[in-house]
Protein backbone atom coordinates (compact mmCIF):
# COMPACT_ATOMS: atom_id res chain seq x y z
CA MET A 1 -43.28 -40.23 40.11
CA ARG A 2 -43.31 -41.12 36.26
CA SER A 3 -43.67 -38.24 34.22
CA GLY A 4 -45.06 -38.48 30.51
CA PRO A 5 -42.93 -38.08 27.73
CA VAL A 6 -41.84 -34.90 26.91
CA TRP A 7 -42.51 -32.98 23.58
CA PRO A 8 -40.68 -30.97 21.63
CA LEU A 9 -41.95 -27.11 21.12
CA GLN A 10 -43.11 -26.61 17.84
CA THR A 11 -41.62 -23.37 15.98
CA SER A 12 -42.78 -21.52 13.27
CA SER A 13 -40.26 -21.45 10.54
CA PRO A 14 -38.60 -18.25 9.52
CA THR A 15 -39.42 -16.09 6.99
CA PRO A 16 -36.50 -15.11 4.09
CA THR A 17 -36.75 -11.99 5.51
CA GLU A 18 -35.88 -12.28 8.92
CA ALA A 19 -33.65 -15.10 8.35
CA ALA A 20 -31.45 -12.24 6.72
CA THR A 21 -32.31 -10.20 9.55
CA ALA A 22 -30.93 -13.00 11.76
CA THR A 23 -27.77 -13.39 9.55
CA ALA A 24 -26.67 -10.43 9.22
CA THR A 25 -27.64 -9.57 13.44
CA ASP A 26 -25.03 -12.28 13.92
CA VAL A 27 -22.69 -11.58 11.58
CA ALA A 28 -22.45 -7.87 13.52
CA THR A 29 -22.45 -9.95 16.78
CA ASP A 30 -19.66 -12.01 15.43
CA ILE A 31 -17.33 -8.54 14.70
CA GLY A 32 -18.46 -6.97 17.59
CA GLY A 33 -16.84 -9.68 19.49
CA LEU A 34 -13.48 -9.20 18.12
CA LEU A 35 -13.63 -5.57 19.15
CA PRO A 36 -11.93 -4.31 22.23
CA PHE A 37 -15.13 -1.98 22.65
CA GLU A 38 -18.66 -2.38 23.03
CA ILE A 39 -21.03 -1.06 19.82
CA PRO A 40 -23.43 0.53 20.25
CA MET A 41 -26.80 -0.59 18.68
CA TRP A 42 -27.41 2.38 16.46
CA ALA A 43 -24.16 1.74 14.75
CA ALA A 44 -24.59 -1.85 14.48
CA ASN A 45 -27.89 -1.12 13.07
CA ILE A 46 -25.99 1.02 10.49
CA GLY A 47 -23.62 -1.45 9.77
CA ARG A 48 -26.11 -4.47 9.11
CA SER A 49 -28.38 -2.08 6.62
CA LEU A 50 -25.19 -1.18 4.43
CA VAL A 51 -24.55 -5.20 4.31
CA VAL A 52 -27.69 -5.63 3.43
CA ILE A 53 -27.46 -2.84 0.18
CA ALA A 54 -24.35 -3.81 -0.88
CA LEU A 55 -25.46 -7.25 -0.99
CA ALA A 56 -28.87 -6.03 -2.82
CA ILE A 57 -26.37 -3.99 -5.09
CA VAL A 58 -23.97 -7.55 -6.19
CA VAL A 59 -27.39 -10.05 -6.44
CA SER A 60 -29.56 -7.38 -8.21
CA ARG A 61 -25.87 -7.08 -11.14
CA VAL A 62 -25.38 -11.00 -10.79
CA LEU A 63 -29.08 -11.50 -11.65
CA VAL A 64 -28.90 -9.12 -14.69
CA ARG A 65 -25.87 -10.75 -15.97
CA LEU A 66 -27.41 -14.64 -15.74
CA LEU A 67 -30.77 -13.74 -17.13
CA GLY A 68 -29.90 -10.82 -19.63
CA ARG A 69 -29.49 -13.36 -22.49
CA ARG A 70 -32.23 -15.54 -21.70
CA VAL A 71 -34.65 -12.18 -21.09
CA ALA A 72 -33.70 -11.05 -24.53
CA GLN A 73 -34.33 -14.21 -26.29
CA ARG A 74 -37.73 -14.29 -24.52
CA PHE A 75 -38.93 -11.16 -25.73
CA ARG A 76 -37.18 -10.17 -28.70
CA ARG A 77 -37.50 -7.02 -28.02
CA PRO A 78 -35.47 -4.27 -26.72
CA SER A 79 -38.27 -2.02 -24.51
CA LEU A 80 -39.53 -5.52 -23.16
CA THR A 81 -36.16 -6.41 -22.19
CA ARG A 82 -35.08 -3.77 -20.52
CA THR A 83 -38.70 -2.98 -18.73
CA ALA A 84 -38.07 -6.94 -17.45
CA LEU A 85 -34.34 -6.16 -16.29
CA ARG A 86 -35.51 -3.10 -14.54
CA GLY A 87 -38.48 -5.23 -13.01
CA ILE A 88 -35.84 -7.73 -11.21
CA ARG A 89 -33.39 -5.09 -10.06
CA VAL A 90 -36.37 -3.29 -8.81
CA SER A 91 -37.59 -6.17 -6.77
CA VAL A 92 -34.11 -6.54 -5.16
CA TYR A 93 -34.16 -3.75 -4.09
CA VAL A 94 -37.69 -3.88 -2.79
CA PHE A 95 -36.86 -6.81 -0.78
CA ALA A 96 -33.47 -5.09 0.45
CA LEU A 97 -35.47 -2.39 1.47
CA LEU A 98 -38.20 -4.41 3.46
CA THR A 99 -34.86 -6.20 5.41
CA VAL A 100 -33.84 -2.85 6.22
CA LEU A 101 -36.75 -1.83 7.96
CA ASN A 102 -37.00 -5.14 9.84
CA ILE A 103 -33.60 -3.97 10.90
CA TYR A 104 -35.08 -1.29 12.56
CA GLY A 105 -37.80 -3.31 14.02
CA LEU A 106 -40.38 -2.12 11.75
CA ARG A 107 -42.80 -4.84 10.56
CA LEU A 108 -44.74 -5.08 6.97
CA SER A 109 -47.85 -5.45 8.92
CA GLU A 110 -46.95 -2.63 10.83
CA ILE A 111 -46.01 -0.19 8.22
CA GLY A 112 -49.15 -1.20 5.82
CA LEU A 113 -51.23 0.80 7.34
CA SER A 114 -49.23 3.44 7.16
CA VAL A 115 -48.77 3.22 3.48
CA ALA A 116 -52.15 3.31 2.84
CA ILE A 117 -52.79 6.56 4.86
CA PHE A 118 -49.80 8.17 2.82
CA SER A 119 -50.90 6.67 -0.35
CA ALA A 120 -54.43 8.23 0.12
CA VAL A 121 -53.26 11.36 1.20
CA VAL A 122 -50.75 12.22 -2.05
CA GLY A 123 -53.05 10.06 -4.81
CA VAL A 124 -53.53 13.40 -6.31
CA VAL A 125 -49.36 13.97 -6.43
CA LEU A 126 -49.03 10.60 -7.90
CA ALA A 127 -51.82 10.22 -10.32
CA PRO A 128 -50.34 11.94 -13.05
CA ILE A 129 -47.42 9.45 -12.44
CA VAL A 130 -49.76 6.61 -12.25
CA GLY A 131 -51.18 7.27 -15.57
CA SER A 132 -47.75 7.66 -17.18
CA ILE A 133 -46.90 4.18 -16.02
CA VAL A 134 -50.22 2.33 -17.21
CA SER A 135 -49.70 4.16 -20.37
CA GLY A 136 -46.19 2.99 -20.45
CA VAL A 137 -47.60 -0.20 -20.16
CA PHE A 138 -50.43 0.50 -22.98
CA LEU A 139 -47.71 1.26 -25.47
CA LEU A 140 -45.72 -2.06 -24.29
CA ALA A 141 -48.48 -3.59 -25.51
CA ASP A 142 -49.60 -1.88 -28.71
CA GLN A 143 -45.63 -1.49 -29.93
CA PRO A 144 -46.32 1.54 -32.09
CA TYR A 145 -42.68 2.21 -32.17
CA GLU A 146 -39.68 0.51 -30.30
CA ILE A 147 -36.40 1.18 -29.26
CA GLY A 148 -34.08 2.76 -32.50
CA ASP A 149 -37.07 3.33 -35.06
CA MET A 150 -37.00 6.71 -36.31
CA VAL A 151 -40.24 8.51 -35.50
CA GLU A 152 -41.67 12.16 -36.05
CA LEU A 153 -43.98 13.99 -33.59
CA ALA A 154 -46.79 15.20 -36.27
CA ASP A 155 -47.90 18.50 -33.86
CA ARG A 156 -44.30 19.40 -33.65
CA GLY A 157 -42.89 18.92 -36.58
CA GLN A 158 -39.88 17.14 -34.73
CA ARG A 159 -37.93 13.95 -36.28
CA GLY A 160 -35.54 11.91 -34.10
CA PHE A 161 -35.00 8.30 -32.57
CA VAL A 162 -36.40 6.78 -29.87
CA GLU A 163 -33.35 5.98 -27.12
CA ASP A 164 -35.19 4.32 -24.66
CA ILE A 165 -39.15 3.64 -23.17
CA THR A 166 -39.81 3.08 -19.73
CA LEU A 167 -42.74 2.42 -17.71
CA ARG A 168 -43.06 6.46 -17.09
CA HIS A 169 -41.90 8.07 -20.35
CA THR A 170 -40.21 7.75 -23.62
CA LYS A 171 -36.47 9.13 -24.41
CA MET A 172 -36.10 10.62 -27.84
CA PHE A 173 -32.93 11.75 -29.87
CA THR A 174 -33.80 14.20 -32.86
CA LEU A 175 -32.04 14.89 -35.62
CA ASP A 176 -30.58 18.40 -34.33
CA ASN A 177 -28.81 16.24 -31.31
CA THR A 178 -31.12 17.39 -29.02
CA PHE A 179 -33.22 15.25 -26.09
CA LEU A 180 -36.85 14.84 -25.31
CA VAL A 181 -38.02 13.11 -22.67
CA ILE A 182 -42.13 13.07 -23.07
CA PRO A 183 -44.18 10.95 -20.62
CA ASN A 184 -45.94 7.97 -21.78
CA GLY A 185 -49.70 9.90 -21.38
CA GLU A 186 -48.66 12.47 -23.47
CA MET A 187 -47.21 10.69 -26.40
CA ARG A 188 -50.70 8.67 -26.37
CA GLN A 189 -52.45 11.48 -27.47
CA ARG A 190 -50.22 12.52 -29.93
CA ASP A 191 -49.79 11.51 -33.63
CA VAL A 192 -46.77 9.56 -33.95
CA VAL A 193 -45.40 9.06 -37.57
CA ASN A 194 -42.87 6.38 -37.51
CA TYR A 195 -40.62 5.68 -40.39
CA SER A 196 -38.88 2.67 -39.81
CA ALA A 197 -41.62 -0.06 -37.77
CA GLU A 198 -41.98 -2.83 -40.11
CA ASP A 199 -40.05 -1.42 -43.46
CA SER A 200 -37.28 1.38 -43.33
CA ARG A 201 -37.58 2.22 -47.32
CA THR A 202 -39.67 5.35 -47.77
CA ARG A 203 -41.02 6.91 -50.64
CA LEU A 204 -40.59 10.43 -51.63
CA SER A 205 -41.58 12.12 -54.60
CA LEU A 206 -40.78 15.70 -56.39
CA ASP A 207 -43.19 18.10 -58.89
CA ILE A 208 -40.81 19.61 -61.69
CA ILE A 209 -42.86 21.81 -64.16
CA VAL A 210 -41.52 21.79 -68.04
CA THR A 211 -42.26 24.02 -70.71
CA TYR A 212 -44.94 23.05 -73.23
CA GLU A 213 -41.79 23.04 -75.90
CA SER A 214 -39.83 20.78 -74.13
CA ASP A 215 -39.75 17.21 -75.13
CA ILE A 216 -41.79 15.59 -72.17
CA PRO A 217 -40.75 11.80 -72.90
CA ALA A 218 -36.95 12.72 -72.71
CA ALA A 219 -37.69 15.25 -70.19
CA ARG A 220 -39.24 11.90 -67.93
CA LYS A 221 -36.08 9.51 -69.07
CA LEU A 222 -33.47 12.11 -67.77
CA ILE A 223 -35.35 12.76 -64.26
CA GLU A 224 -35.92 9.51 -63.76
CA ASP A 225 -31.79 8.85 -64.31
CA ALA A 226 -30.60 11.52 -62.42
CA ALA A 227 -33.00 10.09 -59.39
CA ARG A 228 -31.27 6.46 -59.82
CA GLU A 229 -27.67 7.94 -59.42
CA VAL A 230 -28.30 8.90 -55.87
CA ASP A 231 -26.55 6.28 -53.64
CA ASN A 232 -29.70 5.49 -51.22
CA VAL A 233 -32.50 5.35 -53.78
CA ILE A 234 -33.32 2.01 -54.94
CA GLY A 235 -33.04 1.62 -58.81
CA GLY A 236 -35.01 -1.18 -59.26
CA GLY A 237 -36.80 -4.87 -58.68
CA PRO A 238 -39.94 -6.04 -57.66
CA ASN A 239 -42.74 -4.08 -56.51
CA ILE A 240 -42.87 -2.44 -53.22
CA ARG A 241 -46.16 -3.77 -50.97
CA VAL A 242 -47.45 -1.50 -49.07
CA GLY A 243 -50.65 -2.79 -47.65
CA ALA A 244 -52.76 -4.16 -50.21
CA ALA A 245 -51.32 -1.86 -52.74
CA ARG A 246 -47.97 -2.32 -54.81
CA TYR A 247 -45.86 0.43 -56.02
CA PRO A 248 -42.33 0.26 -58.69
CA ALA A 249 -39.53 -0.04 -56.95
CA ALA A 250 -37.71 2.02 -59.40
CA PRO A 251 -38.30 5.88 -60.14
CA THR A 252 -40.87 6.76 -62.30
CA VAL A 253 -42.19 9.83 -63.35
CA TYR A 254 -45.70 10.55 -63.97
CA ILE A 255 -46.91 13.98 -66.26
CA ASN A 256 -49.71 15.21 -62.98
CA GLU A 257 -51.35 18.18 -64.83
CA PHE A 258 -51.29 20.40 -68.05
CA ALA A 259 -50.41 23.50 -65.81
CA ASP A 260 -50.80 27.22 -66.43
CA HIS A 261 -47.39 27.83 -67.43
CA GLY A 262 -45.56 23.99 -68.13
CA VAL A 263 -46.43 20.53 -67.81
CA LEU A 264 -46.33 19.36 -64.55
CA LEU A 265 -44.23 15.89 -63.75
CA THR A 266 -44.28 14.45 -60.42
CA LEU A 267 -41.12 12.47 -59.78
CA ARG A 268 -41.54 9.04 -57.09
CA TYR A 269 -38.77 7.46 -55.87
CA TRP A 270 -37.60 5.15 -52.78
CA VAL A 271 -35.23 5.85 -50.49
CA THR A 272 -33.28 3.08 -48.60
CA GLU A 273 -32.44 5.23 -45.43
CA PRO A 274 -35.30 7.18 -43.47
CA TYR A 275 -32.74 9.36 -41.34
CA LYS A 276 -31.23 10.63 -45.02
CA LEU A 277 -34.31 12.03 -46.46
CA LEU A 278 -33.50 15.14 -46.99
CA THR A 279 -29.55 14.48 -48.14
CA ALA A 280 -30.72 12.22 -50.42
CA ARG A 281 -33.78 14.77 -52.00
CA SER A 282 -31.33 17.20 -52.00
CA ARG A 283 -28.94 15.04 -54.41
CA VAL A 284 -32.09 14.28 -56.30
CA GLN A 285 -32.72 17.42 -57.47
CA THR A 286 -29.19 18.51 -57.84
CA ASN A 287 -28.90 15.78 -60.86
CA VAL A 288 -32.57 16.02 -62.25
CA TRP A 289 -30.82 20.42 -62.67
CA ARG A 290 -27.76 19.17 -63.94
CA ARG A 291 -29.07 16.42 -66.92
CA LEU A 292 -32.27 19.28 -67.58
CA GLU A 293 -29.95 22.02 -68.34
CA GLU A 294 -27.40 19.53 -70.13
CA ALA A 295 -30.46 18.74 -72.45
CA ASP A 296 -31.53 22.54 -72.96
CA VAL A 297 -34.89 21.11 -71.29
CA GLU A 298 -36.31 24.28 -69.87
CA ILE A 299 -37.77 24.42 -66.20
CA ALA A 300 -41.10 26.24 -66.48
CA TYR A 301 -40.86 29.24 -63.86
CA PRO A 302 -44.51 31.63 -63.13
CA HIS A 303 -44.49 34.36 -65.53
CA SER A 304 -47.21 36.79 -67.10
CA HIS A 305 -47.28 38.71 -70.88
CA LEU A 306 -49.11 41.30 -71.17
CA TYR A 307 -50.32 42.76 -74.45
CA PHE A 308 -51.99 46.09 -75.43
CA ASP A 309 -53.58 46.60 -78.83
CA GLU A 310 -55.88 49.25 -80.33
CA THR A 311 -58.88 47.44 -78.50
CA SER A 312 -57.49 47.48 -74.98
CA GLY A 313 -59.80 50.76 -73.87
CA GLU A 314 -61.49 53.25 -74.52
CA MET A 315 -61.32 56.85 -72.85
CA ASN A 316 -64.31 59.38 -73.76
CA VAL A 317 -62.85 62.63 -74.52
CA SER A 318 -64.68 65.84 -75.55
CA LEU A 319 -63.64 69.49 -76.65
CA THR A 320 -65.69 72.77 -76.21
CA GLY A 321 -64.71 76.65 -76.90
CA GLY A 322 -61.41 77.70 -77.19
CA ASN A 323 -59.81 77.90 -74.35
CA GLY A 324 -58.20 74.09 -74.81
CA VAL A 325 -59.87 72.80 -71.38
CA GLU A 326 -61.36 69.32 -71.83
CA ASN A 327 -64.76 68.17 -70.68
CA LEU A 328 -64.40 64.96 -68.82
CA ASP A 329 -66.87 62.65 -68.33
CA PRO A 330 -67.20 61.70 -64.02
CA THR A 331 -68.69 58.33 -65.10
CA ASP A 332 -65.47 57.38 -66.64
CA PRO A 333 -62.97 56.01 -64.30
CA LEU A 334 -60.22 57.34 -66.49
CA ASP A 335 -61.97 60.76 -66.04
CA ARG A 336 -61.41 60.96 -62.30
CA ASP A 337 -57.84 61.76 -61.86
CA GLY A 338 -58.22 64.97 -62.83
CA PRO A 339 -58.48 67.70 -65.95
CA LEU A 340 -56.25 66.69 -69.02
CA SER A 341 -54.80 69.12 -71.55
CA ASP A 342 -54.82 68.74 -75.19
CA SER A 343 -51.14 70.52 -75.74
């Protein structure tokens, strides 16, 4: 009897997960054949899982090392670079997790329904986390601050440096060497002052009141020279542009106001390092005090002078009879304290 041609059976190509599982199974089977005893199934599954986890750790490190420089050159922002490298690690670990689940006989289609039900149950619990992640995406896109910037939380008055930016939170070291971890949802709702976003130079001001008897032009010159002596104070150069305005780079003293106790002078100067603002302010004030004292320019302080003469006030007193008792006027406030003796 003549038979027809025999066609090969068509089989679908295995997925990467199934291929990895099959490879791990073959390795475990070969190792088990070399042992003098039979390995239980649960022990073999644990061994395969450990192999997959070890491979995932090694592969993630190798990928980060190989792609780290290219990612940094592509984004040119530390926060985006770290986020991209974290995404590579997470992708490798997720693939390893799916492989481990496949080793134990759990398919992706089988766990899809369970994940959907679980997500619906704990949706309320995960809502703040999801909100922080969404806020983190907006923070990375808007670029209000970057890793290494000096920022200030306006509502708390705390200054510090941004240590790290993730999709969930922002890490910040304060100038008091304390560590803050703030969710990105809260960071987007706060007023954050950035001292080093575009330009690290910061302008400070100092108000000084000198007496009216002082030499005002000489006092202004002395104050400007005192500020220039500080190291991180900009002594001169081209005007500094802030938006559409331009300001003198050198320290400048203005006559602000003719105050009650003297002439109010305002010193404005620029500092190159934003994290040394208090140090620069203290050194400038020390130099100003020393120079004005050496030049005998008196710094005014609040004081009052009281003058009394014959027209300062009157007291109505009338004497009747010989008993020496005064008739006081009850309408006069000075007479309400009691009778006065004329002796």
